[in-house]
Structure formats: structure tokens, C-alpha cells
């Protein structure tokens, strides 16, 4: 799922911070070098960020941190 595919229920500034959190989390995962399935990893990050934003979280640092925490449960190399 790509963030721009979400229904128009989020304000542009919220989508922007969600996108920022996703890109920062993705860079961190790539830096770690532990990604086994890139599509699944990115999907997990996106799903976590969208879920948190849907309940009102708008701090991109928190979105990133929780998305990375959720990705910690994915299989490793």
C-alpha cells in the first residue's frame, strides 16, 4: 500500500508527516541491513503508521519509532 492510495480522510499535512515517518523508518531498516522481504517490510511499516495515524498520532518521530518496533517482529536474514 502506498500512502497516496489512502482515501482522502487525512489532511495533506498529516499525509506529509506520515510519508516522512515512513521514509525515515525505511532508511533505518535499510541501514540495519536486516530486511529479508522488502515488500513485506515496507507494508508492515506502512500499516503500522496508518493504524497509529488513524487513532490520532501525528508525531512523525513516534510514528517512525513504533513502525520500526513493529518491524522487529519480522523474520531476519
Protein backbone atom coordinates (compact mmCIF):
# COMPACT_ATOMS: atom_id res chain seq x y z
CA UNK A 1 0.00 0.00 0.00
CA UNK A 2 1.27 3.44 -0.85
CA UNK A 3 0.27 6.38 1.27
CA UNK A 4 -1.11 8.27 -1.72
CA UNK A 5 -3.55 5.40 -2.25
CA UNK A 6 -5.27 6.10 1.07
CA UNK A 7 -8.74 7.54 0.95
CA UNK A 8 -8.80 11.30 1.31
CA UNK A 9 -9.58 11.11 5.03
CA UNK A 10 -6.24 12.56 6.08
CA UNK A 11 -5.28 16.19 5.77
CA UNK A 12 -2.37 16.94 3.43
CA UNK A 13 -0.13 17.86 6.37
CA UNK A 14 -0.94 14.55 8.09
CA UNK A 15 -0.17 12.61 4.92
CA UNK A 16 3.09 14.52 4.64
CA UNK A 17 4.22 13.61 8.16
CA UNK A 18 3.13 10.01 7.64
CA UNK A 19 5.18 9.89 4.46
CA UNK A 20 8.15 11.43 6.27
CA UNK A 21 7.90 8.84 9.06
CA UNK A 22 7.66 6.02 6.51
CA UNK A 23 10.69 7.19 4.55
CA UNK A 24 12.76 7.68 7.72
CA UNK A 25 11.78 4.24 9.04
CA UNK A 26 12.54 2.64 5.66
CA UNK A 27 16.00 4.26 5.55
CA UNK A 28 16.68 2.97 9.07
CA UNK A 29 15.66 -0.57 8.15
CA UNK A 30 17.86 -0.48 5.06
CA UNK A 31 20.76 0.87 7.13
CA UNK A 32 20.39 -2.04 9.55
CA UNK A 33 20.69 -4.48 6.65
CA UNK A 34 18.21 -6.93 8.15
CA UNK A 35 15.45 -6.83 5.52
CA UNK A 36 14.52 -10.27 4.22
CA UNK A 37 11.42 -9.35 2.20
CA UNK A 38 11.42 -5.68 1.18
CA UNK A 39 7.76 -5.63 0.15
CA UNK A 40 6.60 -7.20 3.40
CA UNK A 41 8.84 -4.91 5.46
CA UNK A 42 7.59 -1.76 3.76
CA UNK A 43 3.99 -2.97 4.07
CA UNK A 44 4.48 -3.56 7.81
CA UNK A 45 5.89 -0.05 8.25
CA UNK A 46 3.04 1.50 6.26
CA UNK A 47 0.33 -0.46 8.05
CA UNK A 48 1.70 0.50 11.46
CA UNK A 49 1.96 4.18 10.56
CA UNK A 50 -1.54 4.28 9.09
CA UNK A 51 -3.00 2.50 12.12
CA UNK A 52 -1.40 4.95 14.52
CA UNK A 53 -2.39 7.98 12.45
CA UNK A 54 -5.96 6.71 12.28
CA UNK A 55 -6.20 6.97 16.07
CA UNK A 56 -4.75 10.47 16.08
CA UNK A 57 -0.98 10.09 16.40
CA UNK A 58 0.68 12.87 14.41
CA UNK A 59 4.22 12.93 15.79
CA UNK A 60 6.41 11.62 12.93
CA UNK A 61 9.19 10.56 15.33
CA UNK A 62 6.72 8.41 17.28
CA UNK A 63 5.25 7.00 14.08
CA UNK A 64 8.74 6.03 12.93
CA UNK A 65 9.71 4.54 16.29
CA UNK A 66 6.57 2.41 16.58
CA UNK A 67 6.78 1.30 12.93
CA UNK A 68 10.36 0.15 13.49
CA UNK A 69 9.31 -1.62 16.68
CA UNK A 70 6.58 -3.46 14.73
CA UNK A 71 9.12 -4.44 12.09
CA UNK A 72 11.29 -6.03 14.79
CA UNK A 73 8.84 -8.95 14.81
CA UNK A 74 9.52 -9.74 11.14
CA UNK A 75 11.83 -12.65 10.14
CA UNK A 76 15.51 -11.73 9.83
CA UNK A 77 18.26 -12.83 7.48
